[in-house]
């Protein structure tokens, strides 16, 4: 908290993490995957999962994808992912 972050921001990211973990368990049988496995198909599958399985509205799904995008951009900046992902997350 503090430094420009509110309680609701933390709550939103926690919910994003919960949805992502549940998606990973349902699709891959794991609670985590190697960051190198993150690709366009993964992101579109996650978005579909949010809308179909979690019954998230388009606005809520976009918010959770936006949270994932921040993490993807952090990974790109640290060269943990190939730059090719840049075009699908912008």
C-alpha atoms as a PDB file:
ATOM      1  CA  UNK A   1       0.000   0.000   0.000  1.00  0.00           C
ATOM      2  CA  UNK A   2       1.088   3.556  -0.459  1.00  0.00           C
ATOM      3  CA  UNK A   3       3.373   4.772  -3.251  1.00  0.00           C
ATOM      4  CA  UNK A   4       0.344   5.308  -5.505  1.00  0.00           C
ATOM      5  CA  UNK A   5      -1.233   1.900  -4.847  1.00  0.00           C
ATOM      6  CA  UNK A   6      -4.650   1.589  -3.270  1.00  0.00           C
ATOM      7  CA  UNK A   7      -6.260  -1.386  -1.566  1.00  0.00           C
ATOM      8  CA  UNK A   8      -8.486  -1.944  -4.605  1.00  0.00           C
ATOM      9  CA  UNK A   9      -5.424  -2.176  -6.857  1.00  0.00           C
ATOM     10  CA  UNK A  10      -4.036  -4.990  -4.729  1.00  0.00           C
ATOM     11  CA  UNK A  11      -7.441  -6.668  -4.681  1.00  0.00           C
ATOM     12  CA  UNK A  12      -7.633  -6.517  -8.498  1.00  0.00           C
ATOM     13  CA  UNK A  13      -4.196  -8.049  -8.938  1.00  0.00           C
ATOM     14  CA  UNK A  14      -4.992 -10.739  -6.371  1.00  0.00           C
ATOM     15  CA  UNK A  15      -8.141 -11.622  -8.293  1.00  0.00           C
ATOM     16  CA  UNK A  16      -6.155 -11.684 -11.540  1.00  0.00           C
ATOM     17  CA  UNK A  17      -3.674 -14.072  -9.960  1.00  0.00           C
ATOM     18  CA  UNK A  18      -6.499 -16.288  -8.693  1.00  0.00           C
ATOM     19  CA  UNK A  19      -8.085 -16.469 -12.159  1.00  0.00           C
ATOM     20  CA  UNK A  20      -4.741 -17.170 -13.812  1.00  0.00           C
ATOM     21  CA  UNK A  21      -3.880 -19.918 -11.315  1.00  0.00           C
ATOM     22  CA  UNK A  22      -7.291 -21.534 -11.789  1.00  0.00           C
ATOM     23  CA  UNK A  23      -6.853 -21.320 -15.582  1.00  0.00           C
ATOM     24  CA  UNK A  24      -3.434 -22.967 -15.372  1.00  0.00           C
ATOM     25  CA  UNK A  25      -4.790 -25.770 -13.209  1.00  0.00           C
ATOM     26  CA  UNK A  26      -7.748 -26.406 -15.507  1.00  0.00           C
ATOM     27  CA  UNK A  27      -5.801 -26.190 -18.782  1.00  0.00           C
ATOM     28  CA  UNK A  28      -2.367 -27.522 -17.824  1.00  0.00           C
ATOM     29  CA  UNK A  29      -2.903 -29.354 -14.544  1.00  0.00           C
ATOM     30  CA  UNK A  30      -0.348 -27.057 -12.886  1.00  0.00           C
ATOM     31  CA  UNK A  31      -0.446 -23.955 -10.701  1.00  0.00           C
ATOM     32  CA  UNK A  32       2.495 -22.399 -12.553  1.00  0.00           C
ATOM     33  CA  UNK A  33       4.270 -22.660 -15.906  1.00  0.00           C
ATOM     34  CA  UNK A  34       7.586 -21.493 -17.295  1.00  0.00           C
ATOM     35  CA  UNK A  35       7.311 -17.922 -18.546  1.00  0.00           C
ATOM     36  CA  UNK A  36       8.722 -19.075 -21.899  1.00  0.00           C
ATOM     37  CA  UNK A  37       5.458 -20.979 -22.492  1.00  0.00           C
ATOM     38  CA  UNK A  38       3.547 -17.713 -22.598  1.00  0.00           C
ATOM     39  CA  UNK A  39       2.468 -17.052 -26.173  1.00  0.00           C
ATOM     40  CA  UNK A  40      -0.423 -15.593 -28.151  1.00  0.00           C
ATOM     41  CA  UNK A  41      -2.482 -18.785 -27.873  1.00  0.00           C
ATOM     42  CA  UNK A  42      -2.034 -18.790 -24.092  1.00  0.00           C
ATOM     43  CA  UNK A  43      -3.280 -15.208 -23.819  1.00  0.00           C
ATOM     44  CA  UNK A  44      -6.292 -15.727 -26.087  1.00  0.00           C
ATOM     45  CA  UNK A  45      -7.154 -18.977 -24.286  1.00  0.00           C
ATOM     46  CA  UNK A  46      -6.960 -17.162 -20.953  1.00  0.00           C
ATOM     47  CA  UNK A  47      -9.248 -14.397 -22.222  1.00  0.00           C
ATOM     48  CA  UNK A  48     -11.748 -16.981 -23.488  1.00  0.00           C
ATOM     49  CA  UNK A  49     -11.560 -18.780 -20.139  1.00  0.00           C
ATOM     50  CA  UNK A  50     -12.309 -15.548 -18.274  1.00  0.00           C
ATOM     51  CA  UNK A  51     -15.399 -14.891 -20.367  1.00  0.00           C
ATOM     52  CA  UNK A  52     -16.695 -18.456 -20.708  1.00  0.00           C
ATOM     53  CA  UNK A  53     -15.759 -20.208 -17.468  1.00  0.00           C
ATOM     54  CA  UNK A  54     -15.489 -17.333 -15.003  1.00  0.00           C
ATOM     55  CA  UNK A  55     -18.436 -15.508 -16.584  1.00  0.00           C
ATOM     56  CA  UNK A  56     -16.483 -12.237 -16.544  1.00  0.00           C
ATOM     57  CA  UNK A  57     -17.862  -9.357 -18.565  1.00  0.00           C
ATOM     58  CA  UNK A  58     -15.783  -8.098 -21.476  1.00  0.00           C
ATOM     59  CA  UNK A  59     -14.703  -5.130 -19.334  1.00  0.00           C
ATOM     60  CA  UNK A  60     -13.572  -7.338 -16.442  1.00  0.00           C
ATOM     61  CA  UNK A  61     -11.778  -9.758 -18.776  1.00  0.00           C
ATOM     62  CA  UNK A  62      -9.982  -6.814 -20.370  1.00  0.00           C
ATOM     63  CA  UNK A  63      -8.897  -5.634 -16.917  1.00  0.00           C
ATOM     64  CA  UNK A  64      -7.411  -9.035 -16.085  1.00  0.00           C
ATOM     65  CA  UNK A  65      -5.683  -9.187 -19.475  1.00  0.00           C
ATOM     66  CA  UNK A  66      -4.319  -5.679 -18.792  1.00  0.00           C
ATOM     67  CA  UNK A  67      -2.793  -6.975 -15.545  1.00  0.00           C
ATOM     68  CA  UNK A  68      -1.199  -9.843 -17.476  1.00  0.00           C
ATOM     69  CA  UNK A  69       0.053  -7.354 -20.069  1.00  0.00           C
ATOM     70  CA  UNK A  70       1.937  -5.436 -17.367  1.00  0.00           C
ATOM     71  CA  UNK A  71       3.699  -8.632 -16.370  1.00  0.00           C
ATOM     72  CA  UNK A  72       4.425  -9.523 -20.012  1.00  0.00           C
ATOM     73  CA  UNK A  73       5.910  -6.063 -20.585  1.00  0.00           C
ATOM     74  CA  UNK A  74       8.088  -6.512 -17.482  1.00  0.00           C
ATOM     75  CA  UNK A  75       9.282  -9.865 -18.855  1.00  0.00           C
ATOM     76  CA  UNK A  76      10.009  -8.320 -22.255  1.00  0.00           C
ATOM     77  CA  UNK A  77      11.984  -5.498 -20.643  1.00  0.00           C
ATOM     78  CA  UNK A  78      14.091  -8.067 -18.791  1.00  0.00           C
ATOM     79  CA  UNK A  79      14.496 -10.206 -21.945  1.00  0.00           C
ATOM     80  CA  UNK A  80      12.746 -13.183 -20.346  1.00  0.00           C
ATOM     81  CA  UNK A  81      10.407 -13.448 -23.364  1.00  0.00           C
ATOM     82  CA  UNK A  82      11.101 -13.041 -27.081  1.00  0.00           C
ATOM     83  CA  UNK A  83      10.181  -9.632 -28.524  1.00  0.00           C
ATOM     84  CA  UNK A  84       7.715 -11.286 -30.934  1.00  0.00           C
ATOM     85  CA  UNK A  85       5.153 -11.173 -28.099  1.00  0.00           C
ATOM     86  CA  UNK A  86       5.286  -7.379 -28.157  1.00  0.00           C
ATOM     87  CA  UNK A  87       2.971  -7.195 -31.168  1.00  0.00           C
ATOM     88  CA  UNK A  88       0.210  -9.227 -29.508  1.00  0.00           C
ATOM     89  CA  UNK A  89       0.159  -7.364 -26.232  1.00  0.00           C
ATOM     90  CA  UNK A  90       0.016  -3.783 -27.469  1.00  0.00           C
END
